[in-house]
Structures are given as structure tokens and as C-alpha cells.
Amino acid sequence: MADVIVVGAGHNGLICAAYLARAGIDTLLLEARDEVGGCASTVSDLGARFNICNCDHTMIRAMPII
């Protein structure tokens, strides 16, 4: 059994898991999607390619509270 479980293989999860593993800590990295990278990855769907994080930032800027 792993000493540490990192949930999410986005940029920060990958970096965290790498540092822990290099320090000799038994680390398990879990990701729900079939590819790693989180918001740094590109999604291809319906003949188009888009960055999911860019969509989030666009929606956040459109909110009247911010």
C-alpha cells in the first residue's frame, strides 16, 4: 500500500508525486481521465481542439462578481 496517494494527474499532481517519489516515499498517483496533464492538456472533440483551462478562465472573467 502506498504511503501517499495523490489525486489528480494535472501539472501540480504530477510535480507533487515526482518530488515524493524522488524522496523515496511510496506514492500512488490517480487520474480519472485517460490522459494526464489536467488543464495543461488539449481535448479533441467534434472535430475541434481546445484547452479546457482556457474555457474556465473565460467563464470566470464573464462572472459579474469578479
PDB file of N, CA and C in Angstrom:
ATOM      1  N   MET A   1       0.849  -1.186   0.000  1.00  0.00           N
ATOM      2  CA  MET A   1       0.000   0.000   0.000  1.00  0.00           C
ATOM      3  C   MET A   1       0.889   1.242   0.000  1.00  0.00           C
ATOM      4  N   ALA A   2       0.471   2.248  -0.744  1.00  0.00           N
ATOM      5  CA  ALA A   2       1.245   3.485  -0.867  1.00  0.00           C
ATOM      6  C   ALA A   2       1.211   4.285   0.429  1.00  0.00           C
ATOM      7  N   ASP A   3       2.305   4.990   0.689  1.00  0.00           N
ATOM      8  CA  ASP A   3       2.358   5.895   1.841  1.00  0.00           C
ATOM      9  C   ASP A   3       1.532   7.150   1.578  1.00  0.00           C
ATOM     10  N   VAL A   4       1.534   7.597   0.312  1.00  0.00           N
ATOM     11  CA  VAL A   4       0.824   8.821  -0.076  1.00  0.00           C
ATOM     12  C   VAL A   4       0.041   8.546  -1.353  1.00  0.00           C
ATOM     13  N   ILE A   5      -1.181   9.042  -1.417  1.00  0.00           N
ATOM     14  CA  ILE A   5      -1.990   8.962  -2.633  1.00  0.00           C
ATOM     15  C   ILE A   5      -2.223  10.382  -3.126  1.00  0.00           C
ATOM     16  N   VAL A   6      -1.803  10.653  -4.351  1.00  0.00           N
ATOM     17  CA  VAL A   6      -2.018  11.957  -4.977  1.00  0.00           C
ATOM     18  C   VAL A   6      -3.189  11.796  -5.942  1.00  0.00           C
ATOM     19  N   VAL A   7      -4.232  12.588  -5.747  1.00  0.00           N
ATOM     20  CA  VAL A   7      -5.426  12.505  -6.587  1.00  0.00           C
ATOM     21  C   VAL A   7      -5.371  13.617  -7.619  1.00  0.00           C
ATOM     22  N   GLY A   8      -5.292  13.228  -8.880  1.00  0.00           N
ATOM     23  CA  GLY A   8      -5.248  14.193  -9.975  1.00  0.00           C
ATOM     24  C   GLY A   8      -3.866  14.269 -10.591  1.00  0.00           C
ATOM     25  N   ALA A   9      -3.790  13.949 -11.879  1.00  0.00           N
ATOM     26  CA  ALA A   9      -2.515  13.955 -12.591  1.00  0.00           C
ATOM     27  C   ALA A   9      -2.388  15.181 -13.479  1.00  0.00           C
ATOM     28  N   GLY A  10      -2.847  16.312 -12.955  1.00  0.00           N
ATOM     29  CA  GLY A  10      -2.589  17.582 -13.625  1.00  0.00           C
ATOM     30  C   GLY A  10      -1.162  18.014 -13.329  1.00  0.00           C
ATOM     31  N   HIS A  11      -0.804  19.200 -13.730  1.00  0.00           N
ATOM     32  CA  HIS A  11       0.561  19.692 -13.536  1.00  0.00           C
ATOM     33  C   HIS A  11       1.004  19.578 -12.083  1.00  0.00           C
ATOM     34  N   ASN A  12       0.205  20.097 -11.164  1.00  0.00           N
ATOM     35  CA  ASN A  12       0.606  20.104  -9.754  1.00  0.00           C
ATOM     36  C   ASN A  12       0.650  18.706  -9.161  1.00  0.00           C
ATOM     37  N   GLY A  13      -0.292  17.847  -9.520  1.00  0.00           N
ATOM     38  CA  GLY A  13      -0.277  16.474  -9.034  1.00  0.00           C
ATOM     39  C   GLY A  13       0.936  15.709  -9.516  1.00  0.00           C
ATOM     40  N   LEU A  14       1.298  15.903 -10.791  1.00  0.00           N
ATOM     41  CA  LEU A  14       2.479  15.242 -11.340  1.00  0.00           C
ATOM     42  C   LEU A  14       3.755  15.702 -10.641  1.00  0.00           C
ATOM     43  N   ILE A  15       3.878  17.003 -10.428  1.00  0.00           N
ATOM     44  CA  ILE A  15       5.061  17.545  -9.752  1.00  0.00           C
ATOM     45  C   ILE A  15       5.140  17.026  -8.323  1.00  0.00           C
ATOM     46  N   CYS A  16       4.024  17.059  -7.612  1.00  0.00           N
ATOM     47  CA  CYS A  16       3.978  16.583  -6.226  1.00  0.00           C
ATOM     48  C   CYS A  16       4.377  15.111  -6.151  1.00  0.00           C
ATOM     49  N   ALA A  17       3.790  14.282  -7.001  1.00  0.00           N
ATOM     50  CA  ALA A  17       4.095  12.853  -6.995  1.00  0.00           C
ATOM     51  C   ALA A  17       5.561  12.602  -7.337  1.00  0.00           C
ATOM     52  N   ALA A  18       6.107  13.366  -8.270  1.00  0.00           N
ATOM     53  CA  ALA A  18       7.512  13.194  -8.644  1.00  0.00           C
ATOM     54  C   ALA A  18       8.442  13.533  -7.486  1.00  0.00           C
ATOM     55  N   TYR A  19       8.192  14.642  -6.807  1.00  0.00           N
ATOM     56  CA  TYR A  19       9.022  15.018  -5.655  1.00  0.00           C
ATOM     57  C   TYR A  19       8.934  13.973  -4.546  1.00  0.00           C
ATOM     58  N   LEU A  20       7.733  13.504  -4.263  1.00  0.00           N
ATOM     59  CA  LEU A  20       7.568  12.491  -3.219  1.00  0.00           C
ATOM     60  C   LEU A  20       8.303  11.204  -3.579  1.00  0.00           C
ATOM     61  N   ALA A  21       8.160  10.758  -4.830  1.00  0.00           N
ATOM     62  CA  ALA A  21       8.826   9.533  -5.270  1.00  0.00           C
ATOM     63  C   ALA A  21      10.343   9.681  -5.218  1.00  0.00           C
ATOM     64  N   ARG A  22      10.860  10.831  -5.629  1.00  0.00           N
ATOM     65  CA  ARG A  22      12.312  11.067  -5.563  1.00  0.00           C
ATOM     66  C   ARG A  22      12.825  11.074  -4.134  1.00  0.00           C
ATOM     67  N   ALA A  23      11.953  11.439  -3.195  1.00  0.00           N
ATOM     68  CA  ALA A  23      12.332  11.444  -1.779  1.00  0.00           C
ATOM     69  C   ALA A  23      12.235  10.045  -1.171  1.00  0.00           C
ATOM     70  N   GLY A  24      11.858   9.058  -1.983  1.00  0.00           N
ATOM     71  CA  GLY A  24      11.796   7.686  -1.509  1.00  0.00           C
ATOM     72  C   GLY A  24      10.475   7.299  -0.873  1.00  0.00           C
ATOM     73  N   ILE A  25       9.465   8.133  -1.032  1.00  0.00           N
ATOM     74  CA  ILE A  25       8.145   7.854  -0.463  1.00  0.00           C
ATOM     75  C   ILE A  25       7.325   7.076  -1.487  1.00  0.00           C
ATOM     76  N   ASP A  26       6.750   5.957  -1.056  1.00  0.00           N
ATOM     77  CA  ASP A  26       5.916   5.139  -1.936  1.00  0.00           C
ATOM     78  C   ASP A  26       4.654   5.927  -2.280  1.00  0.00           C
ATOM     79  N   THR A  27       4.508   6.297  -3.558  1.00  0.00           N
ATOM     80  CA  THR A  27       3.470   7.229  -3.988  1.00  0.00           C
ATOM     81  C   THR A  27       2.577   6.596  -5.045  1.00  0.00           C
ATOM     82  N   LEU A  28       1.279   6.777  -4.900  1.00  0.00           N
ATOM     83  CA  LEU A  28       0.303   6.336  -5.891  1.00  0.00           C
ATOM     84  C   LEU A  28      -0.370   7.571  -6.463  1.00  0.00           C
ATOM     85  N   LEU A  29      -0.351   7.702  -7.790  1.00  0.00           N
ATOM     86  CA  LEU A  29      -0.956   8.841  -8.480  1.00  0.00           C
ATOM     87  C   LEU A  29      -2.207   8.358  -9.207  1.00  0.00           C
ATOM     88  N   LEU A  30      -3.351   8.970  -8.916  1.00  0.00           N
ATOM     89  CA  LEU A  30      -4.624   8.578  -9.523  1.00  0.00           C
ATOM     90  C   LEU A  30      -5.148   9.690 -10.427  1.00  0.00           C
ATOM     91  N   GLU A  31      -5.697   9.304 -11.572  1.00  0.00           N
ATOM     92  CA  GLU A  31      -6.277  10.262 -12.515  1.00  0.00           C
ATOM     93  C   GLU A  31      -7.554   9.663 -13.088  1.00  0.00           C
ATOM     94  N   ALA A  32      -8.632  10.430 -13.119  1.00  0.00           N
ATOM     95  CA  ALA A  32      -9.921   9.952 -13.620  1.00  0.00           C
ATOM     96  C   ALA A  32      -9.947   9.864 -15.145  1.00  0.00           C
ATOM     97  N   ARG A  33      -9.246  10.777 -15.800  1.00  0.00           N
ATOM     98  CA  ARG A  33      -9.261  10.798 -17.269  1.00  0.00           C
ATOM     99  C   ARG A  33      -8.281   9.780 -17.831  1.00  0.00           C
ATOM    100  N   ASP A  34      -8.347   9.542 -19.142  1.00  0.00           N
ATOM    101  CA  ASP A  34      -7.452   8.579 -19.774  1.00  0.00           C
ATOM    102  C   ASP A  34      -6.121   9.197 -20.190  1.00  0.00           C
ATOM    103  N   GLU A  35      -5.897  10.446 -19.859  1.00  0.00           N
ATOM    104  CA  GLU A  35      -4.612  11.095 -20.126  1.00  0.00           C
ATOM    105  C   GLU A  35      -4.279  12.039 -18.976  1.00  0.00           C
ATOM    106  N   VAL A  36      -2.990  12.278 -18.806  1.00  0.00           N
ATOM    107  CA  VAL A  36      -2.549  13.169 -17.730  1.00  0.00           C
ATOM    108  C   VAL A  36      -2.377  14.582 -18.268  1.00  0.00           C
ATOM    109  N   GLY A  37      -2.229  15.533 -17.372  1.00  0.00           N
ATOM    110  CA  GLY A  37      -1.975  16.911 -17.775  1.00  0.00           C
ATOM    111  C   GLY A  37      -2.986  17.898 -17.248  1.00  0.00           C
ATOM    112  N   GLY A  38      -4.180  17.426 -16.896  1.00  0.00           N
ATOM    113  CA  GLY A  38      -5.199  18.328 -16.366  1.00  0.00           C
ATOM    114  C   GLY A  38      -5.482  19.479 -17.311  1.00  0.00           C
ATOM    115  N   CYS A  39      -5.448  20.687 -16.783  1.00  0.00           N
ATOM    116  CA  CYS A  39      -5.750  21.883 -17.582  1.00  0.00           C
ATOM    117  C   CYS A  39      -4.664  22.207 -18.595  1.00  0.00           C
ATOM    118  N   ALA A  40      -3.531  21.548 -18.502  1.00  0.00           N
ATOM    119  CA  ALA A  40      -2.458  21.789 -19.462  1.00  0.00           C
ATOM    120  C   ALA A  40      -2.611  20.927 -20.712  1.00  0.00           C
ATOM    121  N   SER A  41      -3.644  20.083 -20.752  1.00  0.00           N
ATOM    122  CA  SER A  41      -3.829  19.206 -21.900  1.00  0.00           C
ATOM    123  C   SER A  41      -4.877  19.770 -22.858  1.00  0.00           C
ATOM    124  N   THR A  42      -4.848  19.261 -24.067  1.00  0.00           N
ATOM    125  CA  THR A  42      -5.783  19.682 -25.105  1.00  0.00           C
ATOM    126  C   THR A  42      -6.801  18.576 -25.337  1.00  0.00           C
ATOM    127  N   VAL A  43      -8.060  18.948 -25.486  1.00  0.00           N
ATOM    128  CA  VAL A  43      -9.140  17.994 -25.722  1.00  0.00           C
ATOM    129  C   VAL A  43      -9.567  18.102 -27.177  1.00  0.00           C
ATOM    130  N   SER A  44      -9.713  16.958 -27.835  1.00  0.00           N
ATOM    131  CA  SER A  44     -10.228  16.923 -29.205  1.00  0.00           C
ATOM    132  C   SER A  44     -11.639  16.352 -29.167  1.00  0.00           C
ATOM    133  N   ASP A  45     -12.591  17.122 -29.683  1.00  0.00           N
ATOM    134  CA  ASP A  45     -13.980  16.668 -29.689  1.00  0.00           C
ATOM    135  C   ASP A  45     -14.729  17.368 -30.814  1.00  0.00           C
ATOM    136  N   LEU A  46     -15.589  16.639 -31.484  1.00  0.00           N
ATOM    137  CA  LEU A  46     -16.425  17.182 -32.560  1.00  0.00           C
ATOM    138  C   LEU A  46     -15.605  17.883 -33.641  1.00  0.00           C
ATOM    139  N   GLY A  47     -14.425  17.361 -33.915  1.00  0.00           N
ATOM    140  CA  GLY A  47     -13.584  17.912 -34.963  1.00  0.00           C
ATOM    141  C   GLY A  47     -12.805  19.153 -34.581  1.00  0.00           C
ATOM    142  N   ALA A  48     -12.867  19.556 -33.327  1.00  0.00           N
ATOM    143  CA  ALA A  48     -12.135  20.747 -32.873  1.00  0.00           C
ATOM    144  C   ALA A  48     -11.214  20.366 -31.719  1.00  0.00           C
ATOM    145  N   ARG A  49     -10.215  21.205 -31.489  1.00  0.00           N
ATOM    146  CA  ARG A  49      -9.300  21.015 -30.362  1.00  0.00           C
ATOM    147  C   ARG A  49      -9.367  22.251 -29.486  1.00  0.00           C
ATOM    148  N   PHE A  50      -9.439  22.060 -28.181  1.00  0.00           N
ATOM    149  CA  PHE A  50      -9.486  23.205 -27.283  1.00  0.00           C
ATOM    150  C   PHE A  50      -8.825  22.861 -25.961  1.00  0.00           C
ATOM    151  N   ASN A  51      -8.399  23.898 -25.270  1.00  0.00           N
ATOM    152  CA  ASN A  51      -7.770  23.770 -23.962  1.00  0.00           C
ATOM    153  C   ASN A  51      -8.844  23.996 -22.911  1.00  0.00           C
ATOM    154  N   ILE A  52      -9.086  22.997 -22.055  1.00  0.00           N
ATOM    155  CA  ILE A  52     -10.188  23.095 -21.096  1.00  0.00           C
ATOM    156  C   ILE A  52      -9.967  24.188 -20.061  1.00  0.00           C
ATOM    157  N   CYS A  53      -8.735  24.472 -19.715  1.00  0.00           N
ATOM    158  CA  CYS A  53      -8.468  25.519 -18.726  1.00  0.00           C
ATOM    159  C   CYS A  53      -8.804  26.892 -19.304  1.00  0.00           C
ATOM    160  N   ASN A  54      -8.527  27.102 -20.576  1.00  0.00           N
ATOM    161  CA  ASN A  54      -8.830  28.376 -21.212  1.00  0.00           C
ATOM    162  C   ASN A  54     -10.325  28.661 -21.144  1.00  0.00           C
ATOM    163  N   CYS A  55     -11.144  27.633 -21.329  1.00  0.00           N
ATOM    164  CA  CYS A  55     -12.601  27.813 -21.231  1.00  0.00           C
ATOM    165  C   CYS A  55     -12.995  28.236 -19.827  1.00  0.00           C
ATOM    166  N   ASP A  56     -12.377  27.645 -18.821  1.00  0.00           N
ATOM    167  CA  ASP A  56     -12.680  28.012 -17.431  1.00  0.00           C
ATOM    168  C   ASP A  56     -12.340  29.467 -17.170  1.00  0.00           C
ATOM    169  N   HIS A  57     -11.162  29.904 -17.609  1.00  0.00           N
ATOM    170  CA  HIS A  57     -10.756  31.290 -17.372  1.00  0.00           C
ATOM    171  C   HIS A  57     -11.693  32.270 -18.073  1.00  0.00           C
ATOM    172  N   THR A  58     -12.165  31.926 -19.257  1.00  0.00           N
ATOM    173  CA  THR A  58     -13.101  32.779 -19.981  1.00  0.00           C
ATOM    174  C   THR A  58     -14.406  32.913 -19.207  1.00  0.00           C
ATOM    175  N   MET A  59     -14.898  31.821 -18.661  1.00  0.00           N
ATOM    176  CA  MET A  59     -16.151  31.853 -17.904  1.00  0.00           C
ATOM    177  C   MET A  59     -15.987  32.622 -16.591  1.00  0.00           C
ATOM    178  N   ILE A  60     -14.839  32.485 -15.946  1.00  0.00           N
ATOM    179  CA  ILE A  60     -14.594  33.208 -14.692  1.00  0.00           C
ATOM    180  C   ILE A  60     -14.585  34.712 -14.948  1.00  0.00           C
ATOM    181  N   ARG A  61     -13.938  35.142 -16.025  1.00  0.00           N
ATOM    182  CA  ARG A  61     -13.891  36.574 -16.349  1.00  0.00           C
ATOM    183  C   ARG A  61     -15.276  37.117 -16.675  1.00  0.00           C
ATOM    184  N   ALA A  62     -16.167  36.265 -17.157  1.00  0.00           N
ATOM    185  CA  ALA A  62     -17.513  36.705 -17.526  1.00  0.00           C
ATOM    186  C   ALA A  62     -18.437  36.858 -16.319  1.00  0.00           C
ATOM    187  N   MET A  63     -18.015  36.380 -15.162  1.00  0.00           N
ATOM    188  CA  MET A  63     -18.868  36.465 -13.965  1.00  0.00           C
ATOM    189  C   MET A  63     -18.897  37.899 -13.442  1.00  0.00           C
ATOM    190  N   PRO A  64     -20.076  38.428 -13.130  1.00  0.00           N
ATOM    191  CA  PRO A  64     -20.173  39.818 -12.678  1.00  0.00           C
ATOM    192  C   PRO A  64     -19.580  40.057 -11.287  1.00  0.00           C
ATOM    193  N   ILE A  65     -19.413  39.025 -10.492  1.00  0.00           N
ATOM    194  CA  ILE A  65     -18.884  39.179  -9.133  1.00  0.00           C
ATOM    195  C   ILE A  65     -17.407  39.555  -9.162  1.00  0.00           C
ATOM    196  N   ILE A  66     -16.696  39.032 -10.128  1.00  0.00           N
ATOM    197  CA  ILE A  66     -15.237  39.227 -10.180  1.00  0.00           C
ATOM    198  C   ILE A  66     -14.885  40.454 -10.994  1.00  0.00           C
TER     199      ILE A  66
END
